[in-house]
């Protein structure tokens, strides 16, 4: 059993939860301080964290199960656990059920609004994996799915929503969509030849990278606007500027005819950015 769980955790890249978890915590802390003038309780910390783990684990496992045939035909992904027959779909679906159960229990332990919004969150967790079959806006849907993390953190800690919460939501949405467009450049030709949709396959790698820059510019603007609306100080803006510089550097690593540094741009830079935004935002709020 432990061997199977280890395979699943590797399959879903469990360690990449770092992309969204800092923003979920930021949503919880910012929401609590803005709405209530206090930090989230230990109970809220626990259930928000478990909800995030359940949501991301179920979403990634669903993606791998739903896309297993596509992955098996793609030379880049054919060694993933399901196509390589390291694990079967039944075992993955059992893991998905357990992860969704963790999400449901966590939401019910938080507040009424968390429960009311739960079906919407689950809808996006499931629908994302199908969108590449019919729209090149799949990157935006992924952005919405990931951006539910800070929105969920805000709701989980406060039981309310505000314009600040939605500005944080849009900042994460555009950031995620931008780096997903960059990531999709490596499969542009495969997607185009197999009837799959993505911005790089629809508009070309060069134009796709331009669109990714525009999405990241929109993310930067959303984070700046969030600071203005919520009355943040210079520490927060310094974090946003550093995050903007990280996005610029990320784009400098990827060229239309040279994708050799894509993993660094995608995994390393985005992991650093989410942590930077969390540390500087919380530092500003506390000081």
C-alpha atoms as a PDB file:
ATOM      1  CA  UNK A   1       0.000   0.000   0.000  1.00  0.00           C
ATOM      2  CA  UNK A   2       2.772   2.435   0.935  1.00  0.00           C
ATOM      3  CA  UNK A   3       4.532   1.711  -2.340  1.00  0.00           C
ATOM      4  CA  UNK A   4       1.343   2.565  -4.256  1.00  0.00           C
ATOM      5  CA  UNK A   5       0.859   5.768  -2.265  1.00  0.00           C
ATOM      6  CA  UNK A   6       4.464   6.755  -2.965  1.00  0.00           C
ATOM      7  CA  UNK A   7       3.896   6.210  -6.698  1.00  0.00           C
ATOM      8  CA  UNK A   8       0.723   8.328  -6.621  1.00  0.00           C
ATOM      9  CA  UNK A   9       2.408  11.155  -4.694  1.00  0.00           C
ATOM     10  CA  UNK A  10       5.230  11.155  -7.235  1.00  0.00           C
ATOM     11  CA  UNK A  11       2.690  11.050 -10.080  1.00  0.00           C
ATOM     12  CA  UNK A  12       0.824  14.114  -8.835  1.00  0.00           C
ATOM     13  CA  UNK A  13       4.062  15.951  -7.910  1.00  0.00           C
ATOM     14  CA  UNK A  14       2.847  16.446  -4.346  1.00  0.00           C
ATOM     15  CA  UNK A  15       5.803  18.714  -3.588  1.00  0.00           C
ATOM     16  CA  UNK A  16       4.460  21.266  -6.088  1.00  0.00           C
ATOM     17  CA  UNK A  17       1.684  22.081  -3.626  1.00  0.00           C
ATOM     18  CA  UNK A  18       4.107  24.894  -2.730  1.00  0.00           C
ATOM     19  CA  UNK A  19       2.793  26.794  -5.795  1.00  0.00           C
ATOM     20  CA  UNK A  20      -0.653  27.316  -4.276  1.00  0.00           C
ATOM     21  CA  UNK A  21      -0.298  26.752  -0.531  1.00  0.00           C
ATOM     22  CA  UNK A  22       1.463  30.077   0.241  1.00  0.00           C
ATOM     23  CA  UNK A  23      -1.321  31.948  -1.560  1.00  0.00           C
ATOM     24  CA  UNK A  24      -3.970  29.982   0.358  1.00  0.00           C
ATOM     25  CA  UNK A  25      -2.262  30.973   3.608  1.00  0.00           C
ATOM     26  CA  UNK A  26      -1.941  34.556   2.378  1.00  0.00           C
ATOM     27  CA  UNK A  27      -5.671  34.656   1.649  1.00  0.00           C
ATOM     28  CA  UNK A  28      -6.412  33.329   5.124  1.00  0.00           C
ATOM     29  CA  UNK A  29      -4.125  35.777   6.927  1.00  0.00           C
ATOM     30  CA  UNK A  30      -4.986  38.832   4.836  1.00  0.00           C
ATOM     31  CA  UNK A  31      -8.698  38.056   5.109  1.00  0.00           C
ATOM     32  CA  UNK A  32      -8.527  37.649   8.866  1.00  0.00           C
ATOM     33  CA  UNK A  33      -6.546  40.852   9.403  1.00  0.00           C
ATOM     34  CA  UNK A  34      -8.582  42.922   6.941  1.00  0.00           C
ATOM     35  CA  UNK A  35     -12.004  41.618   7.964  1.00  0.00           C
ATOM     36  CA  UNK A  36     -11.510  40.786  11.638  1.00  0.00           C
ATOM     37  CA  UNK A  37      -8.268  42.418  12.784  1.00  0.00           C
ATOM     38  CA  UNK A  38      -6.808  39.138  14.033  1.00  0.00           C
ATOM     39  CA  UNK A  39      -4.906  36.078  12.822  1.00  0.00           C
ATOM     40  CA  UNK A  40      -6.686  32.829  11.854  1.00  0.00           C
ATOM     41  CA  UNK A  41      -7.202  30.389  14.705  1.00  0.00           C
ATOM     42  CA  UNK A  42      -5.199  27.161  14.953  1.00  0.00           C
ATOM     43  CA  UNK A  43      -8.309  25.233  13.947  1.00  0.00           C
ATOM     44  CA  UNK A  44      -8.722  27.377  10.815  1.00  0.00           C
ATOM     45  CA  UNK A  45      -5.033  26.875   9.943  1.00  0.00           C
ATOM     46  CA  UNK A  46      -5.447  23.109  10.230  1.00  0.00           C
ATOM     47  CA  UNK A  47      -8.615  22.761   8.169  1.00  0.00           C
ATOM     48  CA  UNK A  48      -7.511  25.247   5.470  1.00  0.00           C
ATOM     49  CA  UNK A  49      -4.264  23.303   5.052  1.00  0.00           C
ATOM     50  CA  UNK A  50      -6.063  19.957   4.856  1.00  0.00           C
ATOM     51  CA  UNK A  51      -8.612  21.391   2.414  1.00  0.00           C
ATOM     52  CA  UNK A  52      -5.769  22.591   0.182  1.00  0.00           C
ATOM     53  CA  UNK A  53      -4.038  19.216   0.286  1.00  0.00           C
ATOM     54  CA  UNK A  54      -7.294  17.428  -0.549  1.00  0.00           C
ATOM     55  CA  UNK A  55      -8.185  19.823  -3.361  1.00  0.00           C
ATOM     56  CA  UNK A  56      -4.817  19.813  -5.086  1.00  0.00           C
ATOM     57  CA  UNK A  57      -4.274  16.049  -4.667  1.00  0.00           C
ATOM     58  CA  UNK A  58      -7.679  15.202  -6.118  1.00  0.00           C
ATOM     59  CA  UNK A  59      -7.263  17.664  -9.001  1.00  0.00           C
ATOM     60  CA  UNK A  60      -3.845  16.379 -10.036  1.00  0.00           C
ATOM     61  CA  UNK A  61      -4.825  12.720  -9.681  1.00  0.00           C
ATOM     62  CA  UNK A  62      -7.965  13.371 -11.754  1.00  0.00           C
ATOM     63  CA  UNK A  63      -5.847  15.052 -14.392  1.00  0.00           C
ATOM     64  CA  UNK A  64      -3.500  12.072 -14.607  1.00  0.00           C
ATOM     65  CA  UNK A  65      -6.388   9.581 -14.765  1.00  0.00           C
ATOM     66  CA  UNK A  66      -8.428  11.526 -17.329  1.00  0.00           C
ATOM     67  CA  UNK A  67      -5.381  12.229 -19.510  1.00  0.00           C
ATOM     68  CA  UNK A  68      -3.785   8.781 -19.195  1.00  0.00           C
ATOM     69  CA  UNK A  69      -4.438   7.836 -22.836  1.00  0.00           C
ATOM     70  CA  UNK A  70      -3.164  11.199 -24.082  1.00  0.00           C
ATOM     71  CA  UNK A  71      -0.110  10.860 -21.837  1.00  0.00           C
ATOM     72  CA  UNK A  72       0.555   7.364 -23.127  1.00  0.00           C
ATOM     73  CA  UNK A  73       0.680   8.590 -26.736  1.00  0.00           C
ATOM     74  CA  UNK A  74       2.930  11.575 -25.983  1.00  0.00           C
ATOM     75  CA  UNK A  75       6.674  10.717 -25.929  1.00  0.00           C
ATOM     76  CA  UNK A  76       7.244  13.326 -23.191  1.00  0.00           C
ATOM     77  CA  UNK A  77       4.646  11.861 -20.817  1.00  0.00           C
ATOM     78  CA  UNK A  78       4.404   8.170 -21.673  1.00  0.00           C
ATOM     79  CA  UNK A  79       6.526   7.224 -18.631  1.00  0.00           C
ATOM     80  CA  UNK A  80       3.959   8.645 -16.195  1.00  0.00           C
ATOM     81  CA  UNK A  81       2.614   6.135 -13.690  1.00  0.00           C
ATOM     82  CA  UNK A  82      -0.692   5.143 -15.337  1.00  0.00           C
ATOM     83  CA  UNK A  83       0.525   4.787 -18.962  1.00  0.00           C
ATOM     84  CA  UNK A  84       3.635   2.982 -17.672  1.00  0.00           C
ATOM     85  CA  UNK A  85       1.293   0.624 -15.730  1.00  0.00           C
ATOM     86  CA  UNK A  86       2.989   1.350 -12.410  1.00  0.00           C
ATOM     87  CA  UNK A  87      -0.490   1.832 -10.997  1.00  0.00           C
ATOM     88  CA  UNK A  88      -4.013   1.252 -12.299  1.00  0.00           C
ATOM     89  CA  UNK A  89      -6.891   3.687 -12.623  1.00  0.00           C
ATOM     90  CA  UNK A  90      -8.919   1.987  -9.894  1.00  0.00           C
ATOM     91  CA  UNK A  91      -6.197   2.699  -7.346  1.00  0.00           C
ATOM     92  CA  UNK A  92      -5.962   6.302  -8.539  1.00  0.00           C
ATOM     93  CA  UNK A  93      -9.745   6.769  -8.289  1.00  0.00           C
ATOM     94  CA  UNK A  94      -9.645   5.428  -4.723  1.00  0.00           C
ATOM     95  CA  UNK A  95      -7.001   8.060  -3.919  1.00  0.00           C
ATOM     96  CA  UNK A  96      -9.174  10.727  -5.576  1.00  0.00           C
ATOM     97  CA  UNK A  97     -12.177   9.703  -3.459  1.00  0.00           C
ATOM     98  CA  UNK A  98     -10.081   9.924  -0.279  1.00  0.00           C
ATOM     99  CA  UNK A  99      -8.717  13.344  -1.291  1.00  0.00           C
ATOM    100  CA  UNK A 100     -12.195  14.703  -2.067  1.00  0.00           C
ATOM    101  CA  UNK A 101     -13.454  13.329   1.261  1.00  0.00           C
ATOM    102  CA  UNK A 102     -10.650  15.245   2.999  1.00  0.00           C
ATOM    103  CA  UNK A 103     -11.689  18.416   1.144  1.00  0.00           C
ATOM    104  CA  UNK A 104     -15.374  17.949   2.051  1.00  0.00           C
ATOM    105  CA  UNK A 105     -14.689  17.266   5.737  1.00  0.00           C
ATOM    106  CA  UNK A 106     -12.335  20.262   5.946  1.00  0.00           C
ATOM    107  CA  UNK A 107     -14.874  22.623   4.355  1.00  0.00           C
ATOM    108  CA  UNK A 108     -17.582  21.476   6.768  1.00  0.00           C
ATOM    109  CA  UNK A 109     -15.248  22.176   9.690  1.00  0.00           C
ATOM    110  CA  UNK A 110     -14.732  25.792   8.592  1.00  0.00           C
ATOM    111  CA  UNK A 111     -17.948  27.751   7.933  1.00  0.00           C
ATOM    112  CA  UNK A 112     -21.218  27.845   5.985  1.00  0.00           C
ATOM    113  CA  UNK A 113     -19.862  29.838   3.021  1.00  0.00           C
ATOM    114  CA  UNK A 114     -17.045  27.306   2.556  1.00  0.00           C
ATOM    115  CA  UNK A 115     -19.663  24.574   2.241  1.00  0.00           C
ATOM    116  CA  UNK A 116     -21.826  26.605  -0.150  1.00  0.00           C
ATOM    117  CA  UNK A 117     -18.885  27.309  -2.468  1.00  0.00           C
ATOM    118  CA  UNK A 118     -17.590  23.735  -2.337  1.00  0.00           C
ATOM    119  CA  UNK A 119     -19.543  22.486  -5.414  1.00  0.00           C
ATOM    120  CA  UNK A 120     -18.121  25.345  -7.506  1.00  0.00           C
ATOM    121  CA  UNK A 121     -14.593  24.497  -6.409  1.00  0.00           C
ATOM    122  CA  UNK A 122     -15.076  20.800  -7.201  1.00  0.00           C
ATOM    123  CA  UNK A 123     -16.531  21.690 -10.612  1.00  0.00           C
ATOM    124  CA  UNK A 124     -13.329  23.489 -11.614  1.00  0.00           C
ATOM    125  CA  UNK A 125     -11.141  20.753 -10.106  1.00  0.00           C
ATOM    126  CA  UNK A 126     -12.836  18.266 -12.443  1.00  0.00           C
ATOM    127  CA  UNK A 127     -13.545  20.313 -15.589  1.00  0.00           C
ATOM    128  CA  UNK A 128      -9.988  21.595 -16.070  1.00  0.00           C
ATOM    129  CA  UNK A 129      -8.694  18.232 -17.280  1.00  0.00           C
ATOM    130  CA  UNK A 130     -11.276  18.163 -20.088  1.00  0.00           C
ATOM    131  CA  UNK A 131     -10.837  21.741 -21.359  1.00  0.00           C
ATOM    132  CA  UNK A 132      -7.780  21.013 -23.506  1.00  0.00           C
ATOM    133  CA  UNK A 133     -10.116  18.876 -25.623  1.00  0.00           C
ATOM    134  CA  UNK A 134     -12.276  21.803 -26.745  1.00  0.00           C
ATOM    135  CA  UNK A 135     -10.735  25.233 -25.956  1.00  0.00           C
ATOM    136  CA  UNK A 136      -7.358  26.947 -25.965  1.00  0.00           C
ATOM    137  CA  UNK A 137      -8.602  28.898 -22.931  1.00  0.00           C
ATOM    138  CA  UNK A 138      -7.765  25.834 -20.825  1.00  0.00           C
ATOM    139  CA  UNK A 139      -4.960  27.918 -19.268  1.00  0.00           C
ATOM    140  CA  UNK A 140      -7.509  30.393 -17.905  1.00  0.00           C
ATOM    141  CA  UNK A 141      -9.557  27.543 -16.437  1.00  0.00           C
ATOM    142  CA  UNK A 142      -6.423  26.228 -14.720  1.00  0.00           C
ATOM    143  CA  UNK A 143      -5.786  29.757 -13.457  1.00  0.00           C
ATOM    144  CA  UNK A 144      -9.272  29.873 -11.951  1.00  0.00           C
ATOM    145  CA  UNK A 145      -8.756  26.453 -10.375  1.00  0.00           C
ATOM    146  CA  UNK A 146      -5.458  27.414  -8.715  1.00  0.00           C
ATOM    147  CA  UNK A 147      -6.743  30.879  -7.756  1.00  0.00           C
ATOM    148  CA  UNK A 148      -9.528  29.231  -5.775  1.00  0.00           C
ATOM    149  CA  UNK A 149      -6.765  28.493  -3.226  1.00  0.00           C
ATOM    150  CA  UNK A 150      -6.375  32.081  -1.906  1.00  0.00           C
ATOM    151  CA  UNK A 151     -10.107  32.654  -2.290  1.00  0.00           C
ATOM    152  CA  UNK A 152     -10.728  29.489  -0.300  1.00  0.00           C
ATOM    153  CA  UNK A 153      -8.225  30.546   2.341  1.00  0.00           C
ATOM    154  CA  UNK A 154      -9.999  33.906   2.664  1.00  0.00           C
ATOM    155  CA  UNK A 155     -13.443  32.309   2.930  1.00  0.00           C
ATOM    156  CA  UNK A 156     -12.204  29.570   5.244  1.00  0.00           C
ATOM    157  CA  UNK A 157     -10.798  32.061   7.724  1.00  0.00           C
ATOM    158  CA  UNK A 158     -13.522  34.717   7.551  1.00  0.00           C
ATOM    159  CA  UNK A 159     -16.683  33.235   6.080  1.00  0.00           C
ATOM    160  CA  UNK A 160     -16.916  36.320   3.840  1.00  0.00           C
ATOM    161  CA  UNK A 161     -15.762  37.646   0.460  1.00  0.00           C
ATOM    162  CA  UNK A 162     -14.622  41.171  -0.462  1.00  0.00           C
ATOM    163  CA  UNK A 163     -13.048  43.071  -3.348  1.00  0.00           C
ATOM    164  CA  UNK A 164      -9.598  42.450  -1.837  1.00  0.00           C
ATOM    165  CA  UNK A 165     -10.236  38.711  -1.976  1.00  0.00           C
ATOM    166  CA  UNK A 166     -11.128  38.922  -5.669  1.00  0.00           C
ATOM    167  CA  UNK A 167      -8.082  41.068  -6.491  1.00  0.00           C
ATOM    168  CA  UNK A 168      -5.899  38.378  -4.905  1.00  0.00           C
ATOM    169  CA  UNK A 169      -7.879  35.798  -6.877  1.00  0.00           C
ATOM    170  CA  UNK A 170      -7.228  37.578 -10.201  1.00  0.00           C
ATOM    171  CA  UNK A 171      -3.551  38.089  -9.406  1.00  0.00           C
ATOM    172  CA  UNK A 172      -3.074  34.352  -8.903  1.00  0.00           C
ATOM    173  CA  UNK A 173      -5.352  33.499 -11.858  1.00  0.00           C
ATOM    174  CA  UNK A 174      -3.308  35.497 -14.394  1.00  0.00           C
ATOM    175  CA  UNK A 175       0.007  34.383 -12.882  1.00  0.00           C
ATOM    176  CA  UNK A 176      -1.007  30.714 -13.152  1.00  0.00           C
ATOM    177  CA  UNK A 177      -2.434  31.056 -16.670  1.00  0.00           C
ATOM    178  CA  UNK A 178       0.768  32.787 -17.795  1.00  0.00           C
ATOM    179  CA  UNK A 179       3.126  30.109 -16.557  1.00  0.00           C
ATOM    180  CA  UNK A 180       0.830  27.353 -17.868  1.00  0.00           C
ATOM    181  CA  UNK A 181       1.050  28.882 -21.351  1.00  0.00           C
ATOM    182  CA  UNK A 182       4.849  28.781 -21.026  1.00  0.00           C
ATOM    183  CA  UNK A 183       4.700  25.148 -19.917  1.00  0.00           C
ATOM    184  CA  UNK A 184       2.428  24.244 -22.849  1.00  0.00           C
ATOM    185  CA  UNK A 185       5.010  25.422 -25.403  1.00  0.00           C
ATOM    186  CA  UNK A 186       6.847  22.100 -25.108  1.00  0.00           C
ATOM    187  CA  UNK A 187       3.776  20.217 -26.401  1.00  0.00           C
ATOM    188  CA  UNK A 188       2.656  22.754 -29.018  1.00  0.00           C
ATOM    189  CA  UNK A 189       3.338  20.564 -32.058  1.00  0.00           C
ATOM    190  CA  UNK A 190       2.012  17.406 -30.416  1.00  0.00           C
ATOM    191  CA  UNK A 191      -1.197  19.143 -29.311  1.00  0.00           C
ATOM    192  CA  UNK A 192      -1.764  20.623 -32.765  1.00  0.00           C
ATOM    193  CA  UNK A 193      -1.287  17.316 -34.540  1.00  0.00           C
ATOM    194  CA  UNK A 194      -3.563  15.426 -32.108  1.00  0.00           C
ATOM    195  CA  UNK A 195      -6.468  17.881 -31.990  1.00  0.00           C
ATOM    196  CA  UNK A 196      -5.712  19.184 -28.509  1.00  0.00           C
ATOM    197  CA  UNK A 197      -6.082  22.836 -27.610  1.00  0.00           C
ATOM    198  CA  UNK A 198      -3.614  25.275 -26.096  1.00  0.00           C
ATOM    199  CA  UNK A 199      -2.552  28.839 -26.800  1.00  0.00           C
ATOM    200  CA  UNK A 200       0.872  27.775 -28.176  1.00  0.00           C
ATOM    201  CA  UNK A 201      -0.719  25.156 -30.457  1.00  0.00           C
ATOM    202  CA  UNK A 202      -3.372  27.623 -31.664  1.00  0.00           C
ATOM    203  CA  UNK A 203      -1.195  30.715 -32.165  1.00  0.00           C
ATOM    204  CA  UNK A 204       2.359  29.382 -32.293  1.00  0.00           C
ATOM    205  CA  UNK A 205       5.066  29.277 -29.630  1.00  0.00           C
ATOM    206  CA  UNK A 206       6.291  32.835 -30.233  1.00  0.00           C
ATOM    207  CA  UNK A 207       2.822  34.359 -29.988  1.00  0.00           C
ATOM    208  CA  UNK A 208       2.056  32.100 -27.046  1.00  0.00           C
ATOM    209  CA  UNK A 209       5.004  33.524 -25.133  1.00  0.00           C
ATOM    210  CA  UNK A 210       3.795  37.051 -25.902  1.00  0.00           C
ATOM    211  CA  UNK A 211       0.360  36.178 -24.517  1.00  0.00           C
ATOM    212  CA  UNK A 212       2.031  34.684 -21.425  1.00  0.00           C
ATOM    213  CA  UNK A 213       3.828  38.012 -20.883  1.00  0.00           C
ATOM    214  CA  UNK A 214       0.535  39.884 -21.137  1.00  0.00           C
ATOM    215  CA  UNK A 215      -1.066  37.531 -18.616  1.00  0.00           C
ATOM    216  CA  UNK A 216       1.818  38.080 -16.212  1.00  0.00           C
ATOM    217  CA  UNK A 217       1.556  41.841 -16.706  1.00  0.00           C
ATOM    218  CA  UNK A 218      -2.133  41.566 -15.747  1.00  0.00           C
ATOM    219  CA  UNK A 219      -1.136  39.566 -12.664  1.00  0.00           C
ATOM    220  CA  UNK A 220       1.373  42.257 -11.645  1.00  0.00           C
ATOM    221  CA  UNK A 221      -1.282  44.967 -12.052  1.00  0.00           C
ATOM    222  CA  UNK A 222      -3.776  42.969  -9.974  1.00  0.00           C
ATOM    223  CA  UNK A 223      -1.257  42.583  -7.139  1.00  0.00           C
ATOM    224  CA  UNK A 224      -0.437  46.305  -7.228  1.00  0.00           C
ATOM    225  CA  UNK A 225      -4.153  47.163  -7.197  1.00  0.00           C
ATOM    226  CA  UNK A 226      -4.660  44.823  -4.251  1.00  0.00           C
ATOM    227  CA  UNK A 227      -2.008  46.743  -2.350  1.00  0.00           C
ATOM    228  CA  UNK A 228      -3.662  50.088  -3.104  1.00  0.00           C
ATOM    229  CA  UNK A 229      -7.189  48.953  -2.204  1.00  0.00           C
ATOM    230  CA  UNK A 230      -6.146  47.216   1.023  1.00  0.00           C
ATOM    231  CA  UNK A 231      -3.746  49.971   2.116  1.00  0.00           C
ATOM    232  CA  UNK A 232      -0.597  47.850   2.098  1.00  0.00           C
ATOM    233  CA  UNK A 233       2.809  49.363   2.856  1.00  0.00           C
ATOM    234  CA  UNK A 234       6.234  49.453   1.224  1.00  0.00           C
ATOM    235  CA  UNK A 235       7.196  45.911   2.287  1.00  0.00           C
ATOM    236  CA  UNK A 236       4.286  44.476   0.303  1.00  0.00           C
ATOM    237  CA  UNK A 237       5.150  46.557  -2.773  1.00  0.00           C
ATOM    238  CA  UNK A 238       8.776  45.439  -2.541  1.00  0.00           C
ATOM    239  CA  UNK A 239       7.543  41.833  -2.626  1.00  0.00           C
ATOM    240  CA  UNK A 240       5.383  42.590  -5.676  1.00  0.00           C
ATOM    241  CA  UNK A 241       8.355  44.218  -7.441  1.00  0.00           C
ATOM    242  CA  UNK A 242      10.551  41.197  -6.694  1.00  0.00           C
ATOM    243  CA  UNK A 243       7.781  38.912  -7.961  1.00  0.00           C
ATOM    244  CA  UNK A 244       7.525  41.014 -11.121  1.00  0.00           C
ATOM    245  CA  UNK A 245      11.278  40.703 -11.613  1.00  0.00           C
ATOM    246  CA  UNK A 246      10.980  36.916 -11.181  1.00  0.00           C
ATOM    247  CA  UNK A 247       8.326  36.813 -13.921  1.00  0.00           C
ATOM    248  CA  UNK A 248      10.551  38.891 -16.220  1.00  0.00           C
ATOM    249  CA  UNK A 249      13.474  36.548 -15.528  1.00  0.00           C
ATOM    250  CA  UNK A 250      11.224  33.535 -16.118  1.00  0.00           C
ATOM    251  CA  UNK A 251      10.414  34.841 -19.594  1.00  0.00           C
ATOM    252  CA  UNK A 252      14.085  35.515 -20.329  1.00  0.00           C
ATOM    253  CA  UNK A 253      14.793  31.800 -19.842  1.00  0.00           C
ATOM    254  CA  UNK A 254      12.350  30.613 -22.511  1.00  0.00           C
ATOM    255  CA  UNK A 255      12.768  31.439 -26.199  1.00  0.00           C
ATOM    256  CA  UNK A 256      10.583  30.294 -29.126  1.00  0.00           C
ATOM    257  CA  UNK A 257      13.440  28.150 -30.465  1.00  0.00           C
ATOM    258  CA  UNK A 258      15.075  27.261 -27.136  1.00  0.00           C
ATOM    259  CA  UNK A 259      12.962  25.578 -24.463  1.00  0.00           C
ATOM    260  CA  UNK A 260      15.899  23.897 -22.724  1.00  0.00           C
ATOM    261  CA  UNK A 261      15.475  25.965 -19.540  1.00  0.00           C
ATOM    262  CA  UNK A 262      11.710  25.523 -19.327  1.00  0.00           C
ATOM    263  CA  UNK A 263      11.832  23.375 -16.173  1.00  0.00           C
ATOM    264  CA  UNK A 264      13.800  26.051 -14.333  1.00  0.00           C
ATOM    265  CA  UNK A 265      11.380  28.738 -15.532  1.00  0.00           C
ATOM    266  CA  UNK A 266       8.317  26.709 -14.603  1.00  0.00           C
ATOM    267  CA  UNK A 267       9.147  24.876 -11.382  1.00  0.00           C
ATOM    268  CA  UNK A 268      11.920  26.822  -9.666  1.00  0.00           C
ATOM    269  CA  UNK A 269      10.895  30.400 -10.478  1.00  0.00           C
ATOM    270  CA  UNK A 270       7.201  29.926  -9.727  1.00  0.00           C
ATOM    271  CA  UNK A 271       7.893  28.167  -6.441  1.00  0.00           C
ATOM    272  CA  UNK A 272      10.124  31.083  -5.422  1.00  0.00           C
ATOM    273  CA  UNK A 273       7.535  33.666  -6.515  1.00  0.00           C
ATOM    274  CA  UNK A 274       4.726  32.240  -4.392  1.00  0.00           C
ATOM    275  CA  UNK A 275       6.964  32.137  -1.315  1.00  0.00           C
ATOM    276  CA  UNK A 276       8.203  35.707  -1.939  1.00  0.00           C
ATOM    277  CA  UNK A 277       4.658  37.041  -2.219  1.00  0.00           C
ATOM    278  CA  UNK A 278       3.682  35.250   0.985  1.00  0.00           C
ATOM    279  CA  UNK A 279       6.673  36.395   3.058  1.00  0.00           C
ATOM    280  CA  UNK A 280       6.608  40.042   1.988  1.00  0.00           C
ATOM    281  CA  UNK A 281       2.817  40.328   2.221  1.00  0.00           C
ATOM    282  CA  UNK A 282       2.691  38.811   5.691  1.00  0.00           C
ATOM    283  CA  UNK A 283       5.698  40.857   6.780  1.00  0.00           C
ATOM    284  CA  UNK A 284       3.878  44.020   5.716  1.00  0.00           C
ATOM    285  CA  UNK A 285       0.618  43.015   7.390  1.00  0.00           C
ATOM    286  CA  UNK A 286       2.312  42.155  10.678  1.00  0.00           C
ATOM    287  CA  UNK A 287       4.630  45.156  10.811  1.00  0.00           C
END
